[in-house]
Amino acid sequence: MLTTIAMGQLPVVLLLLAAGTAAKAWTVARATEPGTLSRLGPAVLVTERWRPIAMLVCAAGELILLGGLLATGHPFFRWGTAAFFAVSTYVLWELRRRRPDAGCGCFGEVSAIPVGRRSLGRTVVLTAMSTGLVWLPAVPGWDMMAAMTWGHVPATLGGLLLLAALSPEIEEAVARLRHRAPCEQRRLDPVTALGRLRSSTVWRSHAELLSGTEPVDSWRELCWRFFVYPGRSHTGDAVDVVFAVYLSGRHPAVRVAMVGSDGRPVAGEPLGESLPISAGR
């Protein structure tokens, strides 16, 4: 039973590797303007000069693993694939902590949506799927898929549906087809963004810090809408509580930071997700 499930996941893993490779290479090829990769991981974790190289190295790694899984049954490529997705999980976790405004870049520019639980959950699932491949017979992937029967289809479809549910890129792709414009260029009523903010857990967990219920300032930067509220820090100092709402997706990311009168982030008790605030308004 477990062997059947693991064998059914092989096409799913191969499909994700192929899609990731092609999307990353396409994004780098289209990145003709400076800053195009400035919001895509893992490129955001390196300097501007090395961002295209970082993206291409990641794509090359996926391509090598894809070819190895298809052409051989060697454990190196199976363990390597599991390690790749495990490391990806750690990188996304670190990216979410250090750059909560950046996307994972898993599928190039379409993965510009801030890293959330779904993206992290997807890499965890892919790590589990890849680990299952280790115990399959040492047969090349091509031969293994050729030997698949209808009994493997439920495992394959189940894996695809699970990954689809954990992929916010699908919603972004549908939105692009509907609006035919990237998120940064779409119009969205600030009232809608404010409603998304007030229905979020981030708002509820920080509402007690606010001195007023209406924002004193609001502005938009690319695909983020910022709202500023007067408030008090945990030490009682007057601060601006700045919320940032991502403007795409059914469950948009919401970030928060406290800023003092000097424009610098205020240290204090942990505030969950935080976002660096720019000076421009």
Protein backbone atom coordinates (compact mmCIF):
# COMPACT_ATOMS: atom_id res chain seq x y z
CA MET A 1 0.00 0.00 0.00
CA LEU A 2 2.72 2.49 0.99
CA THR A 3 4.73 1.54 -2.10
CA THR A 4 1.69 2.22 -4.29
CA ILE A 5 1.19 5.63 -2.71
CA ALA A 6 4.88 6.52 -3.03
CA MET A 7 4.93 5.42 -6.66
CA GLY A 8 1.84 7.52 -7.34
CA GLN A 9 3.62 10.58 -5.94
CA LEU A 10 6.57 10.26 -8.34
CA PRO A 11 4.83 12.10 -11.24
CA VAL A 12 3.76 14.83 -8.83
CA VAL A 13 7.31 15.46 -7.59
CA LEU A 14 8.64 15.41 -11.16
CA LEU A 15 5.96 17.87 -12.29
CA LEU A 16 6.79 20.32 -9.49
CA LEU A 17 10.51 20.11 -10.24
CA ALA A 18 9.90 20.73 -13.95
CA ALA A 19 7.51 23.64 -13.30
CA GLY A 20 9.91 25.24 -10.80
CA THR A 21 12.84 24.96 -13.19
CA ALA A 22 11.00 26.45 -16.17
CA ALA A 23 9.36 29.26 -14.17
CA LYS A 24 12.61 30.39 -12.53
CA ALA A 25 14.52 30.38 -15.82
CA TRP A 26 11.70 32.30 -17.52
CA THR A 27 11.62 34.89 -14.74
CA VAL A 28 15.37 35.52 -14.95
CA ALA A 29 15.18 35.77 -18.74
CA ARG A 30 12.43 38.40 -18.48
CA ALA A 31 14.08 40.35 -15.66
CA THR A 32 15.47 43.09 -17.87
CA GLU A 33 14.94 45.90 -15.35
CA PRO A 34 16.85 46.33 -12.04
CA GLY A 35 14.87 45.27 -8.99
CA THR A 36 12.69 42.69 -10.76
CA LEU A 37 14.00 39.95 -8.46
CA SER A 38 14.05 42.14 -5.35
CA ARG A 39 10.87 40.51 -3.96
CA LEU A 40 11.47 36.87 -4.84
CA GLY A 41 13.20 34.31 -2.67
CA PRO A 42 15.85 33.04 -2.42
CA ALA A 43 17.15 35.95 -4.51
CA VAL A 44 16.19 38.49 -1.84
CA LEU A 45 18.60 36.90 0.63
CA VAL A 46 21.63 37.90 -1.49
CA THR A 47 22.84 41.18 -2.96
CA GLU A 48 21.34 42.61 -6.15
CA ARG A 49 24.30 41.48 -8.25
CA TRP A 50 23.92 37.82 -7.28
CA ARG A 51 20.13 37.54 -7.44
CA PRO A 52 19.85 36.25 -11.03
CA ILE A 53 22.64 33.75 -10.33
CA ALA A 54 20.92 32.55 -7.15
CA MET A 55 17.68 32.00 -9.04
CA LEU A 56 19.43 30.16 -11.87
CA VAL A 57 21.44 27.98 -9.46
CA CYS A 58 18.18 26.95 -7.79
CA ALA A 59 16.65 26.18 -11.20
CA ALA A 60 19.74 24.19 -12.22
CA GLY A 61 19.55 22.15 -9.01
CA GLU A 62 15.92 21.28 -9.72
CA LEU A 63 16.79 20.33 -13.31
CA ILE A 64 19.59 18.02 -12.18
CA LEU A 65 17.31 16.31 -9.67
CA LEU A 66 14.59 15.99 -12.30
CA GLY A 67 16.96 14.37 -14.79
CA GLY A 68 18.44 12.06 -12.17
CA LEU A 69 15.04 10.85 -10.99
CA LEU A 70 13.91 10.16 -14.55
CA ALA A 71 17.07 8.52 -15.88
CA THR A 72 18.23 6.52 -12.87
CA GLY A 73 17.04 4.85 -9.72
CA HIS A 74 20.12 5.93 -7.75
CA PRO A 75 19.43 6.82 -4.10
CA PHE A 76 21.55 9.98 -4.46
CA PHE A 77 18.90 11.74 -6.52
CA ARG A 78 16.04 10.54 -4.31
CA TRP A 79 17.73 11.61 -1.10
CA GLY A 80 18.88 14.78 -2.86
CA THR A 81 15.29 15.66 -3.78
CA ALA A 82 14.11 15.13 -0.22
CA ALA A 83 17.00 17.26 1.07
CA PHE A 84 16.24 19.97 -1.51
CA PHE A 85 12.65 20.36 -0.34
CA ALA A 86 13.66 20.13 3.33
CA VAL A 87 16.20 22.94 2.85
CA SER A 88 13.57 24.89 0.90
CA THR A 89 11.27 24.68 3.91
CA TYR A 90 13.96 26.17 6.13
CA VAL A 91 14.76 28.89 3.58
CA LEU A 92 11.09 29.88 3.31
CA TRP A 93 10.78 29.98 7.09
CA GLU A 94 13.83 32.24 7.29
CA LEU A 95 12.53 34.37 4.42
CA ARG A 96 9.18 34.78 6.17
CA ARG A 97 10.99 35.91 9.31
CA ARG A 98 13.51 38.27 7.69
CA ARG A 99 11.54 39.53 4.69
CA PRO A 100 7.80 39.04 5.34
CA ASP A 101 6.99 41.19 2.30
CA ALA A 102 8.83 38.89 -0.14
CA GLY A 103 7.45 35.95 -2.08
CA CYS A 104 8.98 32.49 -2.20
CA GLY A 105 9.86 32.66 -5.90
CA CYS A 106 9.11 28.92 -6.10
CA PHE A 107 7.52 29.41 -9.52
CA GLY A 108 9.22 32.60 -10.55
CA GLU A 109 7.41 35.91 -10.61
CA VAL A 110 3.98 34.36 -10.10
CA SER A 111 5.20 33.41 -6.59
CA ALA A 112 5.57 37.04 -5.50
CA ILE A 113 2.84 36.53 -2.88
CA PRO A 114 4.33 36.84 0.63
CA VAL A 115 5.36 33.51 2.11
CA GLY A 116 2.59 32.13 4.29
CA ARG A 117 1.55 28.89 5.91
CA ARG A 118 0.34 27.43 2.63
CA SER A 119 3.70 27.89 0.90
CA LEU A 120 5.47 26.40 3.91
CA GLY A 121 2.99 23.55 4.06
CA ARG A 122 3.59 22.79 0.40
CA THR A 123 7.33 22.32 0.86
CA VAL A 124 6.69 20.13 3.92
CA VAL A 125 4.36 17.94 1.85
CA LEU A 126 6.88 17.78 -1.01
CA THR A 127 9.58 16.78 1.48
CA ALA A 128 7.38 13.92 2.69
CA MET A 129 6.58 12.85 -0.88
CA SER A 130 10.25 12.89 -1.86
CA THR A 131 11.24 10.90 1.21
CA GLY A 132 8.75 8.23 0.20
CA LEU A 133 10.57 7.81 -3.11
CA VAL A 134 13.67 6.57 -1.28
CA TRP A 135 12.04 3.21 -0.53
CA LEU A 136 10.90 2.53 -4.08
CA PRO A 137 12.76 -0.07 -6.18
CA ALA A 138 15.99 1.19 -7.76
CA VAL A 139 14.35 1.64 -11.15
CA PRO A 140 14.59 4.74 -13.40
CA GLY A 141 11.64 7.09 -13.14
CA TRP A 142 10.70 6.66 -16.80
CA ASP A 143 10.37 2.89 -16.39
CA MET A 144 8.51 3.26 -13.10
CA MET A 145 5.92 5.62 -14.58
CA ALA A 146 5.53 3.35 -17.62
CA ALA A 147 4.65 0.52 -15.22
CA MET A 148 2.01 2.54 -13.36
CA THR A 149 -1.56 1.21 -13.37
CA TRP A 150 -4.97 2.66 -12.61
CA GLY A 151 -4.36 1.72 -8.99
CA HIS A 152 -1.77 4.49 -8.76
CA VAL A 153 -4.08 7.21 -10.11
CA PRO A 154 -5.84 8.02 -6.79
CA ALA A 155 -2.48 8.66 -5.10
CA THR A 156 -1.35 10.88 -7.98
CA LEU A 157 -4.59 12.87 -8.10
CA GLY A 158 -4.67 13.17 -4.32
CA GLY A 159 -1.15 14.59 -4.29
CA LEU A 160 -1.95 17.07 -7.06
CA LEU A 161 -5.12 18.26 -5.32
CA LEU A 162 -3.32 18.66 -2.00
CA LEU A 163 -0.54 20.71 -3.58
CA ALA A 164 -3.08 22.79 -5.51
CA ALA A 165 -4.82 23.63 -2.23
CA LEU A 166 -1.46 24.69 -0.78
CA SER A 167 -0.50 26.85 -3.79
CA PRO A 168 -1.53 30.52 -3.57
CA GLU A 169 0.03 30.98 -7.02
CA ILE A 170 -3.11 29.46 -8.57
CA GLU A 171 -5.23 32.28 -7.18
CA GLU A 172 -2.70 34.85 -8.39
CA ALA A 173 -2.63 33.30 -11.87
CA VAL A 174 -6.44 33.36 -12.04
CA ALA A 175 -6.45 36.98 -10.87
CA ARG A 176 -3.94 37.92 -13.56
CA LEU A 177 -6.09 36.29 -16.21
CA ARG A 178 -9.14 38.14 -14.95
CA HIS A 179 -7.48 41.53 -14.55
CA ARG A 180 -4.68 41.07 -17.11
CA ALA A 181 -2.39 43.14 -14.90
CA PRO A 182 0.03 42.31 -12.07
CA CYS A 183 -1.09 42.99 -8.53
CA GLU A 184 1.01 46.18 -8.36
CA GLN A 185 -1.07 47.74 -11.14
CA ARG A 186 -4.54 46.68 -10.07
CA ARG A 187 -6.96 49.08 -8.45
CA LEU A 188 -8.33 48.16 -5.05
CA ASP A 189 -10.55 50.32 -2.88
CA PRO A 190 -8.78 51.24 0.40
CA VAL A 191 -12.04 50.43 2.20
CA THR A 192 -11.77 46.84 0.99
CA ALA A 193 -8.19 46.62 2.27
CA LEU A 194 -9.29 48.09 5.60
CA GLY A 195 -12.01 45.45 5.87
CA ARG A 196 -9.43 42.72 5.25
CA LEU A 197 -7.25 44.21 7.97
CA ARG A 198 -10.02 44.34 10.57
CA SER A 199 -11.03 40.75 9.92
CA SER A 200 -7.48 39.46 10.42
CA THR A 201 -6.02 37.81 13.52
CA VAL A 202 -3.14 40.32 13.43
CA TRP A 203 -5.63 43.16 13.96
CA ARG A 204 -7.40 41.39 16.82
CA SER A 205 -4.14 40.56 18.58
CA HIS A 206 -2.92 44.19 18.43
CA ALA A 207 -6.19 46.11 18.85
CA GLU A 208 -5.49 46.73 22.55
CA LEU A 209 -2.39 48.76 21.62
CA LEU A 210 -4.39 51.27 19.57
CA SER A 211 -5.47 54.69 20.89
CA GLY A 212 -8.00 55.20 18.11
CA THR A 213 -10.20 53.14 15.81
CA GLU A 214 -9.59 55.09 12.60
CA PRO A 215 -6.28 55.31 10.72
CA VAL A 216 -4.48 58.67 10.79
CA ASP A 217 -2.62 57.91 7.56
CA SER A 218 -2.76 55.44 4.70
CA TRP A 219 -0.78 54.87 1.53
CA ARG A 220 -0.02 52.24 -1.05
CA GLU A 221 3.32 50.79 -2.14
CA LEU A 222 3.19 48.28 -4.99
CA CYS A 223 0.93 45.46 -3.78
CA TRP A 224 0.71 46.62 -0.15
CA ARG A 225 -1.70 49.04 1.53
CA PHE A 226 -0.41 50.61 4.76
CA PHE A 227 -2.57 51.93 7.60
CA VAL A 228 -1.20 53.96 10.51
CA TYR A 229 -2.94 54.11 13.89
CA PRO A 230 -1.91 56.02 17.02
CA GLY A 231 -1.07 53.70 19.86
CA ARG A 232 1.01 52.82 22.88
CA SER A 233 3.86 50.36 23.10
CA HIS A 234 3.99 47.70 25.80
CA THR A 235 6.09 50.13 27.84
CA GLY A 236 3.49 52.90 27.50
CA ASP A 237 5.34 55.08 24.99
CA ALA A 238 3.41 56.81 22.23
CA VAL A 239 3.97 55.04 18.89
CA ASP A 240 2.51 54.63 15.45
CA VAL A 241 1.14 51.13 14.89
CA VAL A 242 1.57 50.43 11.19
CA PHE A 243 -0.37 47.64 9.53
CA ALA A 244 0.39 46.41 6.01
CA VAL A 245 -2.21 44.47 4.00
CA TYR A 246 -1.31 42.53 0.88
CA LEU A 247 -3.75 43.35 -1.90
CA SER A 248 -4.15 39.96 -3.55
CA GLY A 249 -5.57 36.57 -2.62
CA ARG A 250 -8.59 35.41 -0.66
CA HIS A 251 -6.60 35.31 2.57
CA PRO A 252 -4.09 38.16 2.16
CA ALA A 253 -1.05 38.50 4.35
CA VAL A 254 -1.23 41.13 7.10
CA ARG A 255 1.91 42.47 8.80
CA VAL A 256 2.43 44.93 11.63
CA ALA A 257 5.18 47.06 13.15
CA MET A 258 5.43 49.77 15.82
CA VAL A 259 7.30 52.94 14.87
CA GLY A 260 8.50 55.65 17.26
CA SER A 261 8.50 59.40 16.70
CA ASP A 262 12.00 59.16 15.21
CA GLY A 263 10.75 56.79 12.49
CA ARG A 264 12.57 53.77 13.87
CA PRO A 265 10.98 50.46 14.84
CA VAL A 266 10.20 50.25 18.53
CA ALA A 267 11.65 47.32 20.44
CA GLY A 268 9.37 45.55 22.82
CA GLU A 269 7.45 42.33 23.28
CA PRO A 270 7.20 40.18 20.17
CA LEU A 271 4.55 41.38 17.75
CA GLY A 272 4.32 38.32 15.53
CA GLU A 273 4.79 39.28 11.90
CA SER A 274 6.67 42.55 11.33
CA LEU A 275 7.45 44.55 8.25
CA PRO A 276 10.15 47.16 7.60
CA ILE A 277 8.49 50.52 7.01
CA SER A 278 9.72 52.89 4.35
CA ALA A 279 9.89 56.61 4.90
CA GLY A 280 7.80 57.57 1.88
CA ARG A 281 4.11 58.26 2.29
